C-alpha atoms as a PDB file:
ATOM      1  CA  MET A   1     316.935  96.681 -72.907  1.00  0.00           C
ATOM      2  CA  GLU A   2     319.805  99.264 -73.683  1.00  0.00           C
ATOM      3  CA  LEU A   3     317.411 100.834 -76.148  1.00  0.00           C
ATOM      4  CA  ASP A   4     314.852 101.682 -73.380  1.00  0.00           C
ATOM      5  CA  LYS A   5     317.516 102.946 -70.506  1.00  0.00           C
ATOM      6  CA  GLU A   6     318.519 105.341 -72.897  1.00  0.00           C
ATOM      7  CA  ALA A   7     315.509 106.378 -74.225  1.00  0.00           C
ATOM      8  CA  SER A   8     313.890 106.772 -70.653  1.00  0.00           C
ATOM      9  CA  ALA A   9     317.365 109.047 -69.966  1.00  0.00           C
ATOM     10  CA  ALA A  10     317.012 110.936 -72.493  1.00  0.00           C
ATOM     11  CA  LYS A  11     313.204 111.709 -72.065  1.00  0.00           C
ATOM     12  CA  GLU A  12     313.876 112.519 -68.414  1.00  0.00           C
ATOM     13  CA  ASP A  13     316.453 115.165 -69.847  1.00  0.00           C
ATOM     14  CA  ARG A  14     314.262 116.946 -72.308  1.00  0.00           C
ATOM     15  CA  ASP A  15     311.469 116.950 -69.950  1.00  0.00           C
ATOM     16  CA  ALA A  16     313.818 118.767 -67.416  1.00  0.00           C
ATOM     17  CA  GLY A  17     315.243 120.856 -70.302  1.00  0.00           C
ATOM     18  CA  ASN A  18     311.427 121.976 -70.648  1.00  0.00           C
ATOM     19  CA  GLU A  19     310.960 122.603 -67.293  1.00  0.00           C
ATOM     20  CA  LEU A  20     314.025 125.241 -67.034  1.00  0.00           C
ATOM     21  CA  TYR A  21     312.238 126.717 -70.707  1.00  0.00           C
ATOM     22  CA  SER A  22     309.102 126.947 -68.967  1.00  0.00           C
ATOM     23  CA  ALA A  23     310.314 128.838 -66.037  1.00  0.00           C
ATOM     24  CA  GLU A  24     312.927 130.918 -68.180  1.00  0.00           C
ATOM     25  CA  LYS A  25     309.896 131.736 -70.632  1.00  0.00           C
ATOM     26  CA  LEU A  26     307.630 132.663 -67.879  1.00  0.00           C
ATOM     27  CA  ALA A  27     309.823 135.031 -65.936  1.00  0.00           C
ATOM     28  CA  LEU A  28     311.468 136.644 -69.188  1.00  0.00           C
ATOM     29  CA  SER A  29     307.675 137.650 -70.059  1.00  0.00           C
ATOM     30  CA  ASP A  30     306.734 138.631 -66.607  1.00  0.00           C
ATOM     31  CA  THR A  31     309.950 141.187 -66.666  1.00  0.00           C
ATOM     32  CA  ILE A  32     309.089 142.424 -70.251  1.00  0.00           C
ATOM     33  CA  LYS A  33     305.330 143.238 -68.952  1.00  0.00           C
ATOM     34  CA  ALA A  34     306.799 145.134 -66.362  1.00  0.00           C
ATOM     35  CA  ILE A  35     309.253 147.063 -68.257  1.00  0.00           C
ATOM     36  CA  ASP A  36     305.998 148.127 -70.434  1.00  0.00           C
ATOM     37  CA  ASP A  37     303.742 148.752 -67.602  1.00  0.00           C
ATOM     38  CA  ALA A  38     306.531 150.961 -66.011  1.00  0.00           C
ATOM     39  CA  THR A  39     307.176 153.005 -69.492  1.00  0.00           C
ATOM     40  CA  THR A  40     303.708 153.730 -70.260  1.00  0.00           C
ATOM     41  CA  ILE A  41     302.806 154.691 -66.689  1.00  0.00           C
ATOM     42  CA  LEU A  42     306.159 156.828 -66.928  1.00  0.00           C
ATOM     43  CA  LYS A  43     304.949 158.538 -70.444  1.00  0.00           C
ATOM     44  CA  GLY A  44     301.558 159.304 -68.813  1.00  0.00           C
ATOM     45  CA  THR A  45     303.656 161.220 -66.227  1.00  0.00           C
ATOM     46  CA  ARG A  46     303.958 163.779 -68.637  1.00  0.00           C
ATOM     47  CA  SER A  47     300.647 165.183 -68.057  1.00  0.00           C
ATOM     48  CA  ASP A  48     299.801 163.734 -65.060  1.00  0.00           C
ATOM     49  CA  THR A  49     302.380 164.420 -62.093  1.00  0.00           C
ATOM     50  CA  ASP A  50     300.198 164.001 -58.963  1.00  0.00           C
ATOM     51  CA  THR A  51     299.923 160.329 -58.567  1.00  0.00           C
ATOM     52  CA  GLY A  52     301.583 159.086 -61.831  1.00  0.00           C
ATOM     53  CA  LEU A  53     304.746 159.943 -60.802  1.00  0.00           C
ATOM     54  CA  LEU A  54     304.442 158.357 -57.232  1.00  0.00           C
ATOM     55  CA  GLN A  55     303.149 154.953 -59.428  1.00  0.00           C
ATOM     56  CA  ALA A  56     306.159 155.477 -61.866  1.00  0.00           C
ATOM     57  CA  ARG A  57     309.067 155.217 -58.980  1.00  0.00           C
ATOM     58  CA  SER A  58     306.646 152.311 -57.500  1.00  0.00           C
ATOM     59  CA  GLN A  59     306.583 150.380 -60.633  1.00  0.00           C
ATOM     60  CA  VAL A  60     310.529 150.898 -61.573  1.00  0.00           C
ATOM     61  CA  SER A  61     311.139 149.994 -57.482  1.00  0.00           C
ATOM     62  CA  ASN A  62     309.582 146.443 -58.230  1.00  0.00           C
ATOM     63  CA  LEU A  63     310.924 146.281 -61.495  1.00  0.00           C
ATOM     64  CA  LEU A  64     314.531 146.505 -60.094  1.00  0.00           C
ATOM     65  CA  VAL A  65     313.725 142.942 -58.444  1.00  0.00           C
ATOM     66  CA  LEU A  66     312.697 141.128 -61.629  1.00  0.00           C
ATOM     67  CA  LEU A  67     316.042 142.476 -63.639  1.00  0.00           C
ATOM     68  CA  GLY A  68     318.551 141.335 -60.937  1.00  0.00           C
ATOM     69  CA  TYR A  69     321.726 140.386 -62.505  1.00  0.00           C
ATOM     70  CA  ARG A  70     320.565 140.863 -66.180  1.00  0.00           C
ATOM     71  CA  ALA A  71     320.672 144.319 -65.618  1.00  0.00           C
ATOM     72  CA  THR A  72     324.144 146.198 -65.607  1.00  0.00           C
ATOM     73  CA  ALA A  73     325.420 147.874 -62.557  1.00  0.00           C
ATOM     74  CA  ALA A  74     325.227 151.420 -64.138  1.00  0.00           C
ATOM     75  CA  GLN A  75     321.532 150.566 -65.159  1.00  0.00           C
ATOM     76  CA  ARG A  76     320.455 149.250 -61.667  1.00  0.00           C
ATOM     77  CA  GLU A  77     321.890 152.652 -60.346  1.00  0.00           C
ATOM     78  CA  SER A  78     320.129 154.923 -62.699  1.00  0.00           C
ATOM     79  CA  LEU A  79     316.684 153.278 -62.040  1.00  0.00           C
ATOM     80  CA  GLN A  80     317.373 153.019 -58.242  1.00  0.00           C
ATOM     81  CA  ALA A  81     318.123 156.891 -58.687  1.00  0.00           C
ATOM     82  CA  PHE A  82     314.168 157.475 -60.128  1.00  0.00           C
ATOM     83  CA  ALA A  83     312.834 154.895 -57.705  1.00  0.00           C
ATOM     84  CA  ASP A  84     313.942 156.080 -54.580  1.00  0.00           C
ATOM     85  CA  PRO A  85     315.312 159.892 -55.272  1.00  0.00           C
ATOM     86  CA  LYS A  86     317.370 161.572 -52.265  1.00  0.00           C
ATOM     87  CA  GLU A  87     314.603 163.699 -50.299  1.00  0.00           C
ATOM     88  CA  ARG A  88     315.266 167.541 -50.607  1.00  0.00           C
ATOM     89  CA  PRO A  89     315.411 169.415 -47.264  1.00  0.00           C
ATOM     90  CA  ASP A  90     312.791 171.530 -45.621  1.00  0.00           C
ATOM     91  CA  PHE A  91     313.888 175.194 -46.305  1.00  0.00           C
ATOM     92  CA  LYS A  92     312.724 177.511 -43.640  1.00  0.00           C
ATOM     93  CA  ALA A  93     312.677 180.788 -45.892  1.00  0.00           C
ATOM     94  CA  GLU A  94     309.956 183.046 -45.248  1.00  0.00           C
ATOM     95  CA  GLY A  95     308.603 185.133 -48.401  1.00  0.00           C
ATOM     96  CA  ASP A  96     306.722 185.132 -51.483  1.00  0.00           C
ATOM     97  CA  GLU A  97     307.295 181.372 -52.340  1.00  0.00           C
ATOM     98  CA  GLU A  98     305.599 181.653 -55.679  1.00  0.00           C
ATOM     99  CA  LYS A  99     308.435 183.428 -57.152  1.00  0.00           C
ATOM    100  CA  HIS A 100     310.954 180.706 -56.294  1.00  0.00           C
ATOM    101  CA  VAL A 101     308.723 177.615 -57.304  1.00  0.00           C
ATOM    102  CA  LYS A 102     309.391 176.656 -61.006  1.00  0.00           C
ATOM    103  CA  GLY A 103     306.988 175.055 -63.143  1.00  0.00           C
ATOM    104  CA  TYR A 104     307.242 170.912 -63.066  1.00  0.00           C
ATOM    105  CA  ALA A 105     309.549 169.925 -66.149  1.00  0.00           C
ATOM    106  CA  PHE A 106     309.554 166.259 -67.375  1.00  0.00           C
ATOM    107  CA  LYS A 107     313.142 165.036 -66.676  1.00  0.00           C
ATOM    108  CA  SER A 108     312.316 160.996 -67.078  1.00  0.00           C
ATOM    109  CA  ASP A 109     313.340 160.874 -70.632  1.00  0.00           C
ATOM    110  CA  SER A 110     316.395 158.919 -69.987  1.00  0.00           C
ATOM    111  CA  VAL A 111     314.895 156.531 -67.846  1.00  0.00           C
ATOM    112  CA  ILE A 112     312.068 155.489 -70.603  1.00  0.00           C
ATOM    113  CA  GLU A 113     314.782 155.237 -72.856  1.00  0.00           C
ATOM    114  CA  LEU A 114     316.718 152.783 -70.314  1.00  0.00           C
ATOM    115  CA  LEU A 115     313.570 150.771 -69.865  1.00  0.00           C
ATOM    116  CA  LYS A 116     312.752 150.651 -73.774  1.00  0.00           C
ATOM    117  CA  GLU A 117     316.813 149.193 -74.041  1.00  0.00           C
ATOM    118  CA  LEU A 118     315.687 146.856 -71.426  1.00  0.00           C
ATOM    119  CA  SER A 119     312.824 145.379 -72.912  1.00  0.00           C
ATOM    120  CA  LEU A 120     314.485 145.082 -76.192  1.00  0.00           C
ATOM    121  CA  LYS A 121     317.292 143.513 -74.260  1.00  0.00           C
ATOM    122  CA  PHE A 122     314.935 140.878 -72.526  1.00  0.00           C
ATOM    123  CA  GLN A 123     312.823 140.533 -76.077  1.00  0.00           C
ATOM    124  CA  ASP A 124     316.153 139.132 -77.511  1.00  0.00           C
ATOM    125  CA  GLU A 125     316.569 136.738 -74.703  1.00  0.00           C
ATOM    126  CA  LEU A 126     313.216 135.081 -75.065  1.00  0.00           C
ATOM    127  CA  ILE A 127     313.880 135.047 -78.779  1.00  0.00           C
ATOM    128  CA  ALA A 128     316.797 133.202 -78.147  1.00  0.00           C
ATOM    129  CA  SER A 129     315.851 130.734 -75.184  1.00  0.00           C
ATOM    130  CA  ASN A 130     312.549 130.345 -77.937  1.00  0.00           C
ATOM    131  CA  GLU A 131     315.006 128.755 -80.350  1.00  0.00           C
ATOM    132  CA  ALA A 132     316.931 127.043 -78.057  1.00  0.00           C
ATOM    133  CA  GLU A 133     313.692 124.930 -76.769  1.00  0.00           C
ATOM    134  CA  THR A 134     312.848 124.578 -80.687  1.00  0.00           C
ATOM    135  CA  ASN A 135     316.602 123.162 -81.111  1.00  0.00           C
ATOM    136  CA  ALA A 136     316.317 120.875 -78.642  1.00  0.00           C
ATOM    137  CA  ILE A 137     313.021 119.476 -79.276  1.00  0.00           C
ATOM    138  CA  ASN A 138     313.942 118.775 -82.750  1.00  0.00           C
ATOM    139  CA  ALA A 139     317.169 117.394 -81.247  1.00  0.00           C
ATOM    140  CA  TYR A 140     315.341 115.080 -79.314  1.00  0.00           C
END
């Protein structure tokens, strides 16, 4: 009788642990995919700046929600600055605009590197979570 109660309690604990693991695994997998998607879109903006940059900003903005507390404040600020840049004021100067407009220079390398760093961090967390779940199953 006593052993049945202990076995039942152990099974309930294991099931609860498995539910937490499943939720954590899904969240980490979704975050890694979102980071990889944002990186791919950003790399594409090197040649296609018309819609690519807007897509990249939107993707990074959505990614900020997934990152939550797992990214440092500096990382979040850097991504937020990219996702929501400050608007430039309209200038009312007249003249030859063509002479004063510079060509587009790709400036998102630091954001791409930050995203790669975050992807590796979340992959490491996923591996650690998988190892912990394997150990818990073996201990059960």
